[in-house]
Amino acid sequence: MAQVIRFTRDYKNIKLQDSIILPEDHGKTEEEIEQLIEQKFQNWINIFENPLPAEEPVVDDQTTNSETITQEQVAESQSAEPDQQEPVV
């Protein structure tokens, strides 16, 4: 069975509540357990202080490279004879 060691730490008025799970026969001293807790806390601070940058949104190539169709082009294509219609690009 496992031993759950819960801990709470405060940093800049933010509370971290976490735990470390060790096997029942872990054999670690109180000092070693405290070092594990401190290492986990320092890792959390590092993530808090150095967040990953936001990803840039993916731009669809079709929307950036397409031509704009004007209202006049639409009107011209609708009024042309069916056999004389030019394809709208």
PDB file of N, CA and C in Angstrom:
ATOM      1  N   MET A   1       0.845  -1.177   0.000  1.00  0.00           N
ATOM      2  CA  MET A   1       0.000   0.000   0.000  1.00  0.00           C
ATOM      3  C   MET A   1       0.894   1.245   0.000  1.00  0.00           C
ATOM      4  N   ALA A   2       0.389   2.321  -0.546  1.00  0.00           N
ATOM      5  CA  ALA A   2       1.174   3.554  -0.689  1.00  0.00           C
ATOM      6  C   ALA A   2       0.945   4.490   0.491  1.00  0.00           C
ATOM      7  N   GLN A   3       1.934   5.326   0.710  1.00  0.00           N
ATOM      8  CA  GLN A   3       1.823   6.367   1.736  1.00  0.00           C
ATOM      9  C   GLN A   3       1.684   7.712   1.023  1.00  0.00           C
ATOM     10  N   VAL A   4       0.610   8.453   1.321  1.00  0.00           N
ATOM     11  CA  VAL A   4       0.354   9.756   0.722  1.00  0.00           C
ATOM     12  C   VAL A   4       0.786  10.824   1.712  1.00  0.00           C
ATOM     13  N   ILE A   5       1.696  11.685   1.285  1.00  0.00           N
ATOM     14  CA  ILE A   5       2.186  12.777   2.133  1.00  0.00           C
ATOM     15  C   ILE A   5       1.692  14.079   1.517  1.00  0.00           C
ATOM     16  N   ARG A   6       0.719  14.684   2.160  1.00  0.00           N
ATOM     17  CA  ARG A   6       0.159  15.947   1.664  1.00  0.00           C
ATOM     18  C   ARG A   6       0.948  17.111   2.237  1.00  0.00           C
ATOM     19  N   PHE A   7       1.045  18.177   1.425  1.00  0.00           N
ATOM     20  CA  PHE A   7       1.726  19.378   1.899  1.00  0.00           C
ATOM     21  C   PHE A   7       1.102  20.618   1.290  1.00  0.00           C
ATOM     22  N   THR A   8       1.304  21.733   1.953  1.00  0.00           N
ATOM     23  CA  THR A   8       0.816  23.041   1.508  1.00  0.00           C
ATOM     24  C   THR A   8       1.964  24.028   1.594  1.00  0.00           C
ATOM     25  N   ARG A   9       2.116  24.818   0.555  1.00  0.00           N
ATOM     26  CA  ARG A   9       3.131  25.877   0.535  1.00  0.00           C
ATOM     27  C   ARG A   9       2.480  27.134  -0.040  1.00  0.00           C
ATOM     28  N   ASP A  10       2.956  28.294   0.397  1.00  0.00           N
ATOM     29  CA  ASP A  10       2.474  29.581  -0.114  1.00  0.00           C
ATOM     30  C   ASP A  10       3.592  30.274  -0.865  1.00  0.00           C
ATOM     31  N   TYR A  11       3.190  30.922  -1.967  1.00  0.00           N
ATOM     32  CA  TYR A  11       4.139  31.691  -2.775  1.00  0.00           C
ATOM     33  C   TYR A  11       3.392  32.875  -3.371  1.00  0.00           C
ATOM     34  N   LYS A  12       3.811  34.071  -3.034  1.00  0.00           N
ATOM     35  CA  LYS A  12       3.194  35.302  -3.539  1.00  0.00           C
ATOM     36  C   LYS A  12       1.674  35.278  -3.356  1.00  0.00           C
ATOM     37  N   ASN A  13       1.244  34.935  -2.178  1.00  0.00           N
ATOM     38  CA  ASN A  13      -0.177  34.866  -1.824  1.00  0.00           C
ATOM     39  C   ASN A  13      -0.965  33.835  -2.634  1.00  0.00           C
ATOM     40  N   ILE A  14      -0.284  32.844  -3.175  1.00  0.00           N
ATOM     41  CA  ILE A  14      -0.933  31.737  -3.881  1.00  0.00           C
ATOM     42  C   ILE A  14      -0.573  30.462  -3.137  1.00  0.00           C
ATOM     43  N   LYS A  15      -1.572  29.654  -2.891  1.00  0.00           N
ATOM     44  CA  LYS A  15      -1.370  28.434  -2.116  1.00  0.00           C
ATOM     45  C   LYS A  15      -1.257  27.230  -3.040  1.00  0.00           C
ATOM     46  N   LEU A  16      -0.198  26.465  -2.851  1.00  0.00           N
ATOM     47  CA  LEU A  16      -0.023  25.194  -3.544  1.00  0.00           C
ATOM     48  C   LEU A  16      -0.370  24.095  -2.558  1.00  0.00           C
ATOM     49  N   GLN A  17      -1.320  23.267  -2.914  1.00  0.00           N
ATOM     50  CA  GLN A  17      -1.660  22.086  -2.130  1.00  0.00           C
ATOM     51  C   GLN A  17      -1.394  20.888  -3.018  1.00  0.00           C
ATOM     52  N   ASP A  18      -0.500  20.020  -2.577  1.00  0.00           N
ATOM     53  CA  ASP A  18      -0.084  18.892  -3.402  1.00  0.00           C
ATOM     54  C   ASP A  18       0.224  17.710  -2.494  1.00  0.00           C
ATOM     55  N   SER A  19       0.691  16.643  -3.088  1.00  0.00           N
ATOM     56  CA  SER A  19       1.067  15.476  -2.302  1.00  0.00           C
ATOM     57  C   SER A  19       2.164  14.702  -3.011  1.00  0.00           C
ATOM     58  N   ILE A  20       2.837  13.892  -2.229  1.00  0.00           N
ATOM     59  CA  ILE A  20       3.843  12.964  -2.741  1.00  0.00           C
ATOM     60  C   ILE A  20       3.365  11.579  -2.333  1.00  0.00           C
ATOM     61  N   ILE A  21       3.411  10.654  -3.261  1.00  0.00           N
ATOM     62  CA  ILE A  21       2.990   9.285  -2.982  1.00  0.00           C
ATOM     63  C   ILE A  21       4.222   8.395  -3.014  1.00  0.00           C
ATOM     64  N   LEU A  22       4.453   7.725  -1.910  1.00  0.00           N
ATOM     65  CA  LEU A  22       5.601   6.834  -1.776  1.00  0.00           C
ATOM     66  C   LEU A  22       5.103   5.447  -1.385  1.00  0.00           C
ATOM     67  N   PRO A  23       5.868   4.415  -1.751  1.00  0.00           N
ATOM     68  CA  PRO A  23       5.473   3.082  -1.286  1.00  0.00           C
ATOM     69  C   PRO A  23       5.587   3.010   0.242  1.00  0.00           C
ATOM     70  N   GLU A  24       4.821   2.125   0.841  1.00  0.00           N
ATOM     71  CA  GLU A  24       4.794   1.999   2.306  1.00  0.00           C
ATOM     72  C   GLU A  24       6.199   1.746   2.875  1.00  0.00           C
ATOM     73  N   ASP A  25       6.997   0.985   2.158  1.00  0.00           N
ATOM     74  CA  ASP A  25       8.348   0.646   2.630  1.00  0.00           C
ATOM     75  C   ASP A  25       9.418   1.505   1.954  1.00  0.00           C
ATOM     76  N   HIS A  26       9.162   2.801   1.763  1.00  0.00           N
ATOM     77  CA  HIS A  26      10.062   3.681   1.009  1.00  0.00           C
ATOM     78  C   HIS A  26      11.430   3.842   1.673  1.00  0.00           C
ATOM     79  N   GLY A  27      11.513   3.798   2.968  1.00  0.00           N
ATOM     80  CA  GLY A  27      12.806   3.887   3.656  1.00  0.00           C
ATOM     81  C   GLY A  27      13.434   5.272   3.644  1.00  0.00           C
ATOM     82  N   LYS A  28      12.713   6.300   3.274  1.00  0.00           N
ATOM     83  CA  LYS A  28      13.260   7.666   3.234  1.00  0.00           C
ATOM     84  C   LYS A  28      13.153   8.302   4.610  1.00  0.00           C
ATOM     85  N   THR A  29      14.130   9.139   4.907  1.00  0.00           N
ATOM     86  CA  THR A  29      14.110   9.870   6.171  1.00  0.00           C
ATOM     87  C   THR A  29      13.207  11.089   6.031  1.00  0.00           C
ATOM     88  N   GLU A  30      12.869  11.701   7.156  1.00  0.00           N
ATOM     89  CA  GLU A  30      12.069  12.934   7.135  1.00  0.00           C
ATOM     90  C   GLU A  30      12.769  14.012   6.314  1.00  0.00           C
ATOM     91  N   GLU A  31      14.085  14.072   6.439  1.00  0.00           N
ATOM     92  CA  GLU A  31      14.862  15.068   5.683  1.00  0.00           C
ATOM     93  C   GLU A  31      14.773  14.807   4.184  1.00  0.00           C
ATOM     94  N   GLU A  32      14.851  13.562   3.744  1.00  0.00           N
ATOM     95  CA  GLU A  32      14.751  13.222   2.325  1.00  0.00           C
ATOM     96  C   GLU A  32      13.348  13.529   1.795  1.00  0.00           C
ATOM     97  N   ILE A  33      12.343  13.245   2.620  1.00  0.00           N
ATOM     98  CA  ILE A  33      10.971  13.561   2.217  1.00  0.00           C
ATOM     99  C   ILE A  33      10.797  15.070   2.088  1.00  0.00           C
ATOM    100  N   GLU A  34      11.360  15.825   3.019  1.00  0.00           N
ATOM    101  CA  GLU A  34      11.276  17.284   2.949  1.00  0.00           C
ATOM    102  C   GLU A  34      11.990  17.813   1.701  1.00  0.00           C
ATOM    103  N   GLN A  35      13.091  17.184   1.312  1.00  0.00           N
ATOM    104  CA  GLN A  35      13.789  17.581   0.080  1.00  0.00           C
ATOM    105  C   GLN A  35      12.931  17.308  -1.159  1.00  0.00           C
ATOM    106  N   LEU A  36      12.207  16.182  -1.177  1.00  0.00           N
ATOM    107  CA  LEU A  36      11.300  15.885  -2.289  1.00  0.00           C
ATOM    108  C   LEU A  36      10.191  16.929  -2.380  1.00  0.00           C
ATOM    109  N   ILE A  37       9.642  17.288  -1.228  1.00  0.00           N
ATOM    110  CA  ILE A  37       8.585  18.300  -1.188  1.00  0.00           C
ATOM    111  C   ILE A  37       9.117  19.640  -1.681  1.00  0.00           C
ATOM    112  N   GLU A  38      10.296  20.015  -1.208  1.00  0.00           N
ATOM    113  CA  GLU A  38      10.891  21.296  -1.622  1.00  0.00           C
ATOM    114  C   GLU A  38      11.199  21.302  -3.115  1.00  0.00           C
ATOM    115  N   GLN A  39      11.682  20.176  -3.650  1.00  0.00           N
ATOM    116  CA  GLN A  39      11.966  20.092  -5.090  1.00  0.00           C
ATOM    117  C   GLN A  39      10.673  20.253  -5.897  1.00  0.00           C
ATOM    118  N   LYS A  40       9.606  19.609  -5.460  1.00  0.00           N
ATOM    119  CA  LYS A  40       8.323  19.728  -6.156  1.00  0.00           C
ATOM    120  C   LYS A  40       7.811  21.168  -6.091  1.00  0.00           C
ATOM    121  N   PHE A  41       7.970  21.807  -4.942  1.00  0.00           N
ATOM    122  CA  PHE A  41       7.557  23.193  -4.768  1.00  0.00           C
ATOM    123  C   PHE A  41       8.365  24.122  -5.672  1.00  0.00           C
ATOM    124  N   GLN A  42       9.675  23.933  -5.737  1.00  0.00           N
ATOM    125  CA  GLN A  42      10.527  24.766  -6.593  1.00  0.00           C
ATOM    126  C   GLN A  42      10.178  24.566  -8.077  1.00  0.00           C
ATOM    127  N   ASN A  43       9.857  23.354  -8.469  1.00  0.00           N
ATOM    128  CA  ASN A  43       9.429  23.099  -9.854  1.00  0.00           C
ATOM    129  C   ASN A  43       8.140  23.854 -10.165  1.00  0.00           C
ATOM    130  N   TRP A  44       7.219  23.872  -9.206  1.00  0.00           N
ATOM    131  CA  TRP A  44       5.959  24.595  -9.382  1.00  0.00           C
ATOM    132  C   TRP A  44       6.220  26.095  -9.519  1.00  0.00           C
ATOM    133  N   ILE A  45       7.108  26.634  -8.687  1.00  0.00           N
ATOM    134  CA  ILE A  45       7.449  28.060  -8.774  1.00  0.00           C
ATOM    135  C   ILE A  45       8.043  28.367 -10.150  1.00  0.00           C
ATOM    136  N   ASN A  46       8.918  27.512 -10.643  1.00  0.00           N
ATOM    137  CA  ASN A  46       9.534  27.724 -11.951  1.00  0.00           C
ATOM    138  C   ASN A  46       8.480  27.766 -13.058  1.00  0.00           C
ATOM    139  N   ILE A  47       7.502  26.874 -12.995  1.00  0.00           N
ATOM    140  CA  ILE A  47       6.426  26.875 -13.987  1.00  0.00           C
ATOM    141  C   ILE A  47       5.580  28.138 -13.844  1.00  0.00           C
ATOM    142  N   PHE A  48       5.320  28.544 -12.614  1.00  0.00           N
ATOM    143  CA  PHE A  48       4.524  29.740 -12.345  1.00  0.00           C
ATOM    144  C   PHE A  48       5.227  31.000 -12.862  1.00  0.00           C
ATOM    145  N   GLU A  49       6.535  31.100 -12.618  1.00  0.00           N
ATOM    146  CA  GLU A  49       7.294  32.291 -13.003  1.00  0.00           C
ATOM    147  C   GLU A  49       7.700  32.303 -14.481  1.00  0.00           C
ATOM    148  N   ASN A  50       7.762  31.147 -15.104  1.00  0.00           N
ATOM    149  CA  ASN A  50       8.223  31.036 -16.497  1.00  0.00           C
ATOM    150  C   ASN A  50       7.237  30.223 -17.328  1.00  0.00           C
ATOM    151  N   PRO A  51       6.032  30.743 -17.529  1.00  0.00           N
ATOM    152  CA  PRO A  51       5.046  29.971 -18.300  1.00  0.00           C
ATOM    153  C   PRO A  51       5.475  29.825 -19.756  1.00  0.00           C
ATOM    154  N   LEU A  52       4.983  28.791 -20.392  1.00  0.00           N
ATOM    155  CA  LEU A  52       5.277  28.588 -21.807  1.00  0.00           C
ATOM    156  C   LEU A  52       4.618  29.694 -22.610  1.00  0.00           C
ATOM    157  N   PRO A  53       5.267  30.151 -23.683  1.00  0.00           N
ATOM    158  CA  PRO A  53       4.647  31.194 -24.505  1.00  0.00           C
ATOM    159  C   PRO A  53       3.411  30.641 -25.207  1.00  0.00           C
ATOM    160  N   ALA A  54       2.469  31.519 -25.461  1.00  0.00           N
ATOM    161  CA  ALA A  54       1.252  31.128 -26.174  1.00  0.00           C
ATOM    162  C   ALA A  54       1.603  30.760 -27.604  1.00  0.00           C
ATOM    163  N   GLU A  55       0.937  29.763 -28.120  1.00  0.00           N
ATOM    164  CA  GLU A  55       1.189  29.339 -29.502  1.00  0.00           C
ATOM    165  C   GLU A  55       0.517  30.308 -30.462  1.00  0.00           C
ATOM    166  N   GLU A  56       1.183  30.541 -31.593  1.00  0.00           N
ATOM    167  CA  GLU A  56       0.615  31.375 -32.640  1.00  0.00           C
ATOM    168  C   GLU A  56      -0.528  30.617 -33.307  1.00  0.00           C
ATOM    169  N   PRO A  57      -1.624  31.277 -33.628  1.00  0.00           N
ATOM    170  CA  PRO A  57      -2.715  30.574 -34.315  1.00  0.00           C
ATOM    171  C   PRO A  57      -2.291  30.139 -35.712  1.00  0.00           C
ATOM    172  N   VAL A  58      -2.799  29.015 -36.146  1.00  0.00           N
ATOM    173  CA  VAL A  58      -2.496  28.499 -37.477  1.00  0.00           C
ATOM    174  C   VAL A  58      -3.366  29.245 -38.478  1.00  0.00           C
ATOM    175  N   VAL A  59      -2.722  29.742 -39.545  1.00  0.00           N
ATOM    176  CA  VAL A  59      -3.440  30.485 -40.581  1.00  0.00           C
ATOM    177  C   VAL A  59      -3.643  29.555 -41.760  1.00  0.00           C
ATOM    178  N   ASP A  60      -4.883  29.484 -42.215  1.00  0.00           N
ATOM    179  CA  ASP A  60      -5.218  28.653 -43.364  1.00  0.00           C
ATOM    180  C   ASP A  60      -4.699  29.340 -44.617  1.00  0.00           C
ATOM    181  N   ASP A  61      -3.866  28.643 -45.392  1.00  0.00           N
ATOM    182  CA  ASP A  61      -3.283  29.218 -46.612  1.00  0.00           C
ATOM    183  C   ASP A  61      -4.350  29.633 -47.614  1.00  0.00           C
ATOM    184  N   GLN A  62      -5.454  28.929 -47.684  1.00  0.00           N
ATOM    185  CA  GLN A  62      -6.486  29.245 -48.655  1.00  0.00           C
ATOM    186  C   GLN A  62      -7.120  30.601 -48.378  1.00  0.00           C
ATOM    187  N   THR A  63      -7.228  30.977 -47.133  1.00  0.00           N
ATOM    188  CA  THR A  63      -7.867  32.255 -46.832  1.00  0.00           C
ATOM    189  C   THR A  63      -6.919  33.424 -47.059  1.00  0.00           C
ATOM    190  N   THR A  64      -5.633  33.207 -46.926  1.00  0.00           N
ATOM    191  CA  THR A  64      -4.698  34.319 -47.094  1.00  0.00           C
ATOM    192  C   THR A  64      -4.304  34.530 -48.551  1.00  0.00           C
ATOM    193  N   ASN A  65      -4.386  33.498 -49.374  1.00  0.00           N
ATOM    194  CA  ASN A  65      -3.936  33.613 -50.757  1.00  0.00           C
ATOM    195  C   ASN A  65      -5.084  33.708 -51.761  1.00  0.00           C
ATOM    196  N   SER A  66      -6.316  33.679 -51.304  1.00  0.00           N
ATOM    197  CA  SER A  66      -7.439  33.710 -52.244  1.00  0.00           C
ATOM    198  C   SER A  66      -7.682  35.130 -52.746  1.00  0.00           C
ATOM    199  N   GLU A  67      -8.257  35.209 -53.937  1.00  0.00           N
ATOM    200  CA  GLU A  67      -8.589  36.510 -54.498  1.00  0.00           C
ATOM    201  C   GLU A  67      -9.957  36.933 -54.004  1.00  0.00           C
ATOM    202  N   THR A  68     -10.166  38.205 -53.899  1.00  0.00           N
ATOM    203  CA  THR A  68     -11.463  38.729 -53.493  1.00  0.00           C
ATOM    204  C   THR A  68     -12.328  38.901 -54.724  1.00  0.00           C
ATOM    205  N   ILE A  69     -13.548  38.387 -54.658  1.00  0.00           N
ATOM    206  CA  ILE A  69     -14.485  38.519 -55.763  1.00  0.00           C
ATOM    207  C   ILE A  69     -15.354  39.737 -55.478  1.00  0.00           C
ATOM    208  N   THR A  70     -15.389  40.641 -56.447  1.00  0.00           N
ATOM    209  CA  THR A  70     -16.174  41.860 -56.245  1.00  0.00           C
ATOM    210  C   THR A  70     -17.637  41.612 -56.594  1.00  0.00           C
ATOM    211  N   GLN A  71     -18.505  42.506 -56.151  1.00  0.00           N
ATOM    212  CA  GLN A  71     -19.931  42.417 -56.468  1.00  0.00           C
ATOM    213  C   GLN A  71     -20.151  42.514 -57.976  1.00  0.00           C
ATOM    214  N   GLU A  72     -19.324  43.316 -58.654  1.00  0.00           N
ATOM    215  CA  GLU A  72     -19.462  43.462 -60.108  1.00  0.00           C
ATOM    216  C   GLU A  72     -19.180  42.143 -60.815  1.00  0.00           C
ATOM    217  N   GLN A  73     -18.169  41.423 -60.372  1.00  0.00           N
ATOM    218  CA  GLN A  73     -17.851  40.139 -60.993  1.00  0.00           C
ATOM    219  C   GLN A  73     -18.985  39.140 -60.799  1.00  0.00           C
ATOM    220  N   VAL A  74     -19.612  39.162 -59.648  1.00  0.00           N
ATOM    221  CA  VAL A  74     -20.742  38.265 -59.404  1.00  0.00           C
ATOM    222  C   VAL A  74     -21.898  38.626 -60.320  1.00  0.00           C
ATOM    223  N   ALA A  75     -22.191  39.921 -60.431  1.00  0.00           N
ATOM    224  CA  ALA A  75     -23.295  40.368 -61.286  1.00  0.00           C
ATOM    225  C   ALA A  75     -23.030  40.012 -62.745  1.00  0.00           C
ATOM    226  N   GLU A  76     -21.801  40.209 -63.218  1.00  0.00           N
ATOM    227  CA  GLU A  76     -21.449  39.885 -64.597  1.00  0.00           C
ATOM    228  C   GLU A  76     -21.620  38.403 -64.877  1.00  0.00           C
ATOM    229  N   SER A  77     -21.183  37.573 -63.948  1.00  0.00           N
ATOM    230  CA  SER A  77     -21.278  36.123 -64.179  1.00  0.00           C
ATOM    231  C   SER A  77     -22.724  35.651 -64.160  1.00  0.00           C
ATOM    232  N   GLN A  78     -23.582  36.308 -63.397  1.00  0.00           N
ATOM    233  CA  GLN A  78     -24.987  35.907 -63.338  1.00  0.00           C
ATOM    234  C   GLN A  78     -25.756  36.370 -64.571  1.00  0.00           C
ATOM    235  N   SER A  79     -25.353  37.486 -65.191  1.00  0.00           N
ATOM    236  CA  SER A  79     -26.084  38.014 -66.342  1.00  0.00           C
ATOM    237  C   SER A  79     -25.584  37.447 -67.664  1.00  0.00           C
ATOM    238  N   ALA A  80     -24.461  36.796 -67.690  1.00  0.00           N
ATOM    239  CA  ALA A  80     -23.910  36.244 -68.933  1.00  0.00           C
ATOM    240  C   ALA A  80     -24.717  35.028 -69.379  1.00  0.00           C
ATOM    241  N   GLU A  81     -24.686  34.762 -70.680  1.00  0.00           N
ATOM    242  CA  GLU A  81     -25.343  33.583 -71.222  1.00  0.00           C
ATOM    243  C   GLU A  81     -24.685  32.344 -70.619  1.00  0.00           C
ATOM    244  N   PRO A  82     -25.447  31.249 -70.429  1.00  0.00           N
ATOM    245  CA  PRO A  82     -24.882  30.040 -69.821  1.00  0.00           C
ATOM    246  C   PRO A  82     -23.664  29.505 -70.549  1.00  0.00           C
ATOM    247  N   ASP A  83     -23.640  29.571 -71.887  1.00  0.00           N
ATOM    248  CA  ASP A  83     -22.490  29.046 -72.613  1.00  0.00           C
ATOM    249  C   ASP A  83     -21.330  30.033 -72.667  1.00  0.00           C
ATOM    250  N   GLN A  84     -21.562  31.286 -72.234  1.00  0.00           N
ATOM    251  CA  GLN A  84     -20.510  32.297 -72.255  1.00  0.00           C
ATOM    252  C   GLN A  84     -19.974  32.615 -70.856  1.00  0.00           C
ATOM    253  N   GLN A  85     -20.437  31.915 -69.874  1.00  0.00           N
ATOM    254  CA  GLN A  85     -19.993  32.207 -68.510  1.00  0.00           C
ATOM    255  C   GLN A  85     -18.522  31.871 -68.328  1.00  0.00           C
ATOM    256  N   GLU A  86     -17.841  32.796 -67.711  1.00  0.00           N
ATOM    257  CA  GLU A  86     -16.456  32.564 -67.373  1.00  0.00           C
ATOM    258  C   GLU A  86     -16.408  32.037 -65.948  1.00  0.00           C
ATOM    259  N   PRO A  87     -15.504  31.110 -65.681  1.00  0.00           N
ATOM    260  CA  PRO A  87     -15.411  30.595 -64.307  1.00  0.00           C
ATOM    261  C   PRO A  87     -14.930  31.689 -63.359  1.00  0.00           C
ATOM    262  N   VAL A  88     -15.500  31.752 -62.196  1.00  0.00           N
ATOM    263  CA  VAL A  88     -15.094  32.707 -61.183  1.00  0.00           C
ATOM    264  C   VAL A  88     -13.990  32.075 -60.367  1.00  0.00           C
ATOM    265  N   VAL A  89     -12.878  32.777 -60.275  1.00  0.00           N
ATOM    266  CA  VAL A  89     -11.726  32.230 -59.549  1.00  0.00           C
ATOM    267  C   VAL A  89     -11.653  32.832 -58.179  1.00  0.00           C
TER     268      VAL A  89
END
